[in-house]
């Protein structure tokens, strides 16, 4: 069985790759656990100076694996939300530079992982956004994280519509920091990580700590609200019905 998260050192920079390319690196419970562990290991490893996160194949991550969320019971919703929070927090807790190489679609959980990084790189054909509402779920945590980078108008439109935008639009509104040709995303992300390594490490750690502490109350509030609203949504049966419909339609297309 292939490893769900790949790790490779390029000098002092560790590349962490989400590795479920057949399903666009959708976040399953197993991938979530492996990725969270990789972030904690990178933080503890003195040989890792910076982290670049990317996805295998042509996607960063299409987001949550619907095979998990379509079948959640009410009793499981809180645990699922908590494990998602722990995954995002593991990126936020990195005291080392973290760069997201959005090499393709970065939707939902994929977008949120990237927004927990310090810098984001993408290409024009990438598709980025927060499709939770289209799956019957309230857009809460992603809305908060987008609000750290974009204005209220674009945030509101993306969160309510659940639509995805291309790399150029994402760059224009502030979700993407660097827009490069498709084949150069990882190269640019590595160059940015190497440049950030030139900053004295204590200054880097303290500055990152300040960013984290000033945004932590909002993040904590958003993740707590995410639990409440997810419970309300699941109690109606709407998310389960919609997501099972998506899965059935996908299976039909494959026939």
Protein backbone atom coordinates (compact mmCIF):
# COMPACT_ATOMS: atom_id res chain seq x y z
CA UNK A 1 0.00 0.00 0.00
CA UNK A 2 1.41 3.40 -1.00
CA UNK A 3 2.31 5.86 1.73
CA UNK A 4 -0.37 8.52 2.10
CA UNK A 5 2.17 11.25 2.81
CA UNK A 6 5.57 11.37 1.16
CA UNK A 7 8.54 13.23 2.65
CA UNK A 8 11.66 14.29 0.79
CA UNK A 9 14.55 16.50 1.90
CA UNK A 10 15.95 19.08 -0.51
CA UNK A 11 18.80 20.36 1.59
CA UNK A 12 17.19 21.88 4.71
CA UNK A 13 13.74 22.05 3.06
CA UNK A 14 11.35 19.15 3.51
CA UNK A 15 8.78 18.53 0.78
CA UNK A 16 5.62 16.96 2.21
CA UNK A 17 3.38 15.50 -0.49
CA UNK A 18 -0.24 14.43 -0.08
CA UNK A 19 -0.29 11.09 -1.90
CA UNK A 20 -3.73 9.92 -3.00
CA UNK A 21 -3.52 11.04 -6.64
CA UNK A 22 -6.23 8.66 -7.87
CA UNK A 23 -8.80 10.63 -5.82
CA UNK A 24 -7.16 14.05 -6.21
CA UNK A 25 -5.55 13.70 -2.76
CA UNK A 26 -8.90 13.81 -0.99
CA UNK A 27 -8.49 13.93 2.78
CA UNK A 28 -9.44 10.61 4.37
CA UNK A 29 -9.08 9.83 8.09
CA UNK A 30 -5.85 7.98 7.33
CA UNK A 31 -4.39 10.81 5.26
CA UNK A 32 -5.40 13.32 7.91
CA UNK A 33 -3.59 11.35 10.61
CA UNK A 34 -0.49 10.81 8.46
CA UNK A 35 -0.29 14.47 7.46
CA UNK A 36 -0.75 15.70 11.04
CA UNK A 37 2.02 13.36 12.17
CA UNK A 38 4.29 14.61 9.38
CA UNK A 39 3.82 18.22 10.48
CA UNK A 40 4.62 17.39 14.09
CA UNK A 41 7.68 15.42 13.03
CA UNK A 42 8.89 18.29 10.85
CA UNK A 43 8.53 20.68 13.78
CA UNK A 44 10.54 18.39 16.07
CA UNK A 45 13.26 17.57 13.52
CA UNK A 46 16.21 19.97 13.81
CA UNK A 47 17.39 19.05 10.30
CA UNK A 48 14.18 20.48 8.80
CA UNK A 49 14.52 24.21 8.32
CA UNK A 50 11.39 24.82 6.23
CA UNK A 51 8.46 22.87 4.82
CA UNK A 52 6.87 22.88 1.37
CA UNK A 53 3.48 21.16 1.12
CA UNK A 54 2.19 19.92 -2.23
CA UNK A 55 0.10 17.16 -3.78
CA UNK A 56 0.90 14.14 -5.92
CA UNK A 57 -0.25 14.20 -9.53
CA UNK A 58 -2.21 17.16 -10.88
CA UNK A 59 -4.01 18.15 -7.68
CA UNK A 60 -3.05 19.64 -4.33
CA UNK A 61 -6.20 18.31 -2.67
CA UNK A 62 -9.82 18.27 -3.78
CA UNK A 63 -10.78 18.48 -0.11
CA UNK A 64 -12.62 16.18 2.22
CA UNK A 65 -13.16 12.57 1.12
CA UNK A 66 -16.94 12.28 0.73
CA UNK A 67 -16.83 8.59 1.53
CA UNK A 68 -16.16 9.65 5.11
CA UNK A 69 -18.44 12.66 5.50
CA UNK A 70 -21.41 11.21 3.60
CA UNK A 71 -21.66 8.47 6.19
CA UNK A 72 -21.04 10.33 9.42
CA UNK A 73 -23.56 9.87 12.20
CA UNK A 74 -24.45 12.71 14.53
CA UNK A 75 -22.32 11.09 17.21
CA UNK A 76 -19.28 11.15 14.90
CA UNK A 77 -19.52 14.78 13.72
CA UNK A 78 -17.74 16.34 16.69
CA UNK A 79 -14.83 13.90 16.43
CA UNK A 80 -14.48 14.56 12.70
CA UNK A 81 -14.46 18.33 13.24
CA UNK A 82 -11.90 17.97 16.02
CA UNK A 83 -9.55 15.88 13.87
CA UNK A 84 -9.78 18.48 11.08
CA UNK A 85 -8.95 21.21 13.58
CA UNK A 86 -5.93 19.27 14.82
CA UNK A 87 -4.70 18.87 11.24
CA UNK A 88 -4.93 22.59 10.50
CA UNK A 89 -3.39 23.47 13.86
CA UNK A 90 -0.40 21.25 13.10
CA UNK A 91 0.42 23.54 10.18
CA UNK A 92 -0.27 26.69 12.18
CA UNK A 93 2.03 25.40 14.95
CA UNK A 94 5.08 25.15 12.70
CA UNK A 95 7.74 27.54 13.95
CA UNK A 96 9.54 27.07 10.61
CA UNK A 97 8.55 28.62 7.27
CA UNK A 98 5.76 26.74 5.51
CA UNK A 99 4.98 27.22 1.82
CA UNK A 100 1.99 25.72 0.01
CA UNK A 101 2.65 24.64 -3.58
CA UNK A 102 -0.89 24.59 -4.98
CA UNK A 103 -0.08 22.50 -8.05
CA UNK A 104 -3.74 21.98 -8.97
CA UNK A 105 -7.15 22.03 -7.34
CA UNK A 106 -7.05 23.23 -3.72
CA UNK A 107 -10.61 23.01 -2.47
CA UNK A 108 -12.13 22.87 1.00
CA UNK A 109 -9.65 21.15 3.30
CA UNK A 110 -6.99 21.51 0.60
CA UNK A 111 -7.45 25.25 0.48
CA UNK A 112 -7.50 25.47 4.26
CA UNK A 113 -4.23 23.58 4.63
CA UNK A 114 -2.67 26.10 2.25
CA UNK A 115 -4.16 29.06 4.10
CA UNK A 116 -2.50 27.82 7.29
CA UNK A 117 0.87 28.13 5.55
CA UNK A 118 2.91 31.33 5.38
CA UNK A 119 3.05 31.66 1.58
CA UNK A 120 1.04 30.16 -1.29
CA UNK A 121 2.17 29.49 -4.87
CA UNK A 122 -0.18 28.44 -7.69
CA UNK A 123 -0.53 28.46 -11.47
CA UNK A 124 -3.30 30.01 -13.60
CA UNK A 125 -5.16 26.73 -14.22
CA UNK A 126 -5.37 25.86 -10.51
CA UNK A 127 -8.88 25.85 -9.03
CA UNK A 128 -9.23 27.20 -5.51
CA UNK A 129 -12.20 27.65 -3.22
CA UNK A 130 -14.53 26.58 -0.46
CA UNK A 131 -17.28 24.23 -1.78
CA UNK A 132 -18.80 23.26 1.57
CA UNK A 133 -22.17 24.91 0.95
CA UNK A 134 -22.65 22.85 -2.21
CA UNK A 135 -22.26 19.73 -0.06
CA UNK A 136 -24.87 20.93 2.44
CA UNK A 137 -22.43 22.18 5.07
CA UNK A 138 -21.94 25.68 6.44
CA UNK A 139 -18.69 27.34 5.38
CA UNK A 140 -17.13 28.35 8.70
CA UNK A 141 -13.43 27.56 9.19
CA UNK A 142 -12.54 28.26 5.57
CA UNK A 143 -14.43 31.54 5.74
CA UNK A 144 -12.38 32.59 8.75
CA UNK A 145 -9.08 31.61 7.14
CA UNK A 146 -9.96 33.36 3.86
CA UNK A 147 -10.78 36.47 5.87
CA UNK A 148 -7.14 36.69 6.94
CA UNK A 149 -6.18 37.34 3.30
CA UNK A 150 -9.12 38.64 1.26
CA UNK A 151 -11.76 41.31 1.65
CA UNK A 152 -15.29 40.75 2.90
CA UNK A 153 -16.86 40.85 -0.57
CA UNK A 154 -14.81 38.09 -2.26
CA UNK A 155 -14.91 36.04 0.93
CA UNK A 156 -18.67 36.27 1.18
CA UNK A 157 -19.17 35.37 -2.49
CA UNK A 158 -16.81 32.37 -2.40
CA UNK A 159 -18.17 31.10 0.92
CA UNK A 160 -21.84 31.40 -0.02
CA UNK A 161 -21.57 30.16 -3.60
CA UNK A 162 -19.18 27.31 -2.91
CA UNK A 163 -17.59 28.09 -6.26
CA UNK A 164 -13.95 27.69 -7.23
CA UNK A 165 -11.85 30.41 -8.85
CA UNK A 166 -8.85 30.09 -11.13
CA UNK A 167 -5.31 30.93 -10.14
CA UNK A 168 -5.38 34.40 -11.68
CA UNK A 169 -8.51 35.43 -9.77
CA UNK A 170 -7.17 33.87 -6.56
CA UNK A 171 -3.97 35.86 -7.01
CA UNK A 172 -5.85 39.08 -7.68
CA UNK A 173 -7.90 38.83 -4.48
CA UNK A 174 -5.01 37.73 -2.26
CA UNK A 175 -5.50 33.98 -1.78
CA UNK A 176 -2.38 33.27 -3.86
CA UNK A 177 0.90 35.12 -3.23
CA UNK A 178 2.86 33.98 -6.28
CA UNK A 179 1.42 32.97 -9.66
CA UNK A 180 3.79 31.06 -11.94
CA UNK A 181 3.52 28.76 -14.99
CA UNK A 182 2.08 25.32 -14.23
CA UNK A 183 5.36 23.44 -14.32
CA UNK A 184 7.14 25.88 -12.02
CA UNK A 185 4.97 25.79 -8.88
CA UNK A 186 7.17 23.47 -6.82
CA UNK A 187 10.37 25.12 -8.02
CA UNK A 188 9.07 28.54 -6.97
CA UNK A 189 7.85 27.21 -3.62
CA UNK A 190 11.27 25.72 -2.91
CA UNK A 191 12.97 28.99 -3.84
CA UNK A 192 10.70 30.90 -1.47
CA UNK A 193 11.38 28.42 1.34
CA UNK A 194 15.13 28.71 0.77
CA UNK A 195 14.89 32.50 0.80
CA UNK A 196 12.93 32.44 4.08
CA UNK A 197 15.67 30.28 5.56
CA UNK A 198 17.99 33.29 5.24
CA UNK A 199 16.01 35.00 7.99
CA UNK A 200 17.62 34.42 11.43
CA UNK A 201 15.68 31.50 12.96
CA UNK A 202 14.82 33.16 16.26
CA UNK A 203 13.36 36.18 14.46
CA UNK A 204 11.39 33.83 12.22
CA UNK A 205 10.06 31.80 15.14
CA UNK A 206 9.07 34.84 17.19
CA UNK A 207 7.37 36.56 14.27
CA UNK A 208 5.45 33.41 13.38
CA UNK A 209 4.49 33.00 17.03
CA UNK A 210 3.04 36.52 17.03
CA UNK A 211 1.00 35.86 13.90
CA UNK A 212 -0.26 32.64 15.47
CA UNK A 213 -1.19 34.10 18.84
CA UNK A 214 -3.01 37.09 17.36
CA UNK A 215 -5.13 34.86 15.09
CA UNK A 216 -5.59 31.93 17.47
CA UNK A 217 -8.70 33.30 19.23
CA UNK A 218 -10.44 33.72 15.88
CA UNK A 219 -9.36 30.28 14.73
CA UNK A 220 -10.55 28.71 17.98
CA UNK A 221 -13.90 30.49 17.67
CA UNK A 222 -14.29 29.40 14.04
CA UNK A 223 -13.50 25.75 14.76
CA UNK A 224 -15.90 25.72 17.72
CA UNK A 225 -18.60 27.29 15.54
CA UNK A 226 -17.81 24.72 12.86
CA UNK A 227 -18.78 21.96 15.27
CA UNK A 228 -22.08 23.65 16.15
CA UNK A 229 -23.11 24.35 12.59
CA UNK A 230 -22.03 20.94 11.33
CA UNK A 231 -24.16 19.29 14.01
CA UNK A 232 -27.12 21.43 12.96
CA UNK A 233 -26.62 20.59 9.29
CA UNK A 234 -26.22 16.86 9.86
CA UNK A 235 -29.32 16.81 12.05
CA UNK A 236 -31.38 17.79 8.97
CA UNK A 237 -29.97 14.96 6.84
CA UNK A 238 -29.15 17.39 4.03
CA UNK A 239 -25.36 16.92 3.86
CA UNK A 240 -25.65 13.13 3.90
CA UNK A 241 -28.23 13.15 1.10
CA UNK A 242 -26.29 15.57 -1.10
CA UNK A 243 -22.92 13.88 -0.64
CA UNK A 244 -24.32 10.41 -1.26
CA UNK A 245 -25.83 11.83 -4.44
CA UNK A 246 -22.40 13.11 -5.50
CA UNK A 247 -20.88 9.68 -4.85
CA UNK A 248 -23.62 7.90 -6.83
CA UNK A 249 -23.25 10.28 -9.76
CA UNK A 250 -19.49 9.79 -9.77
CA UNK A 251 -19.90 6.01 -9.79
CA UNK A 252 -22.35 6.27 -12.66
CA UNK A 253 -19.90 8.33 -14.72
CA UNK A 254 -17.25 5.65 -14.28
CA UNK A 255 -19.45 2.93 -15.75
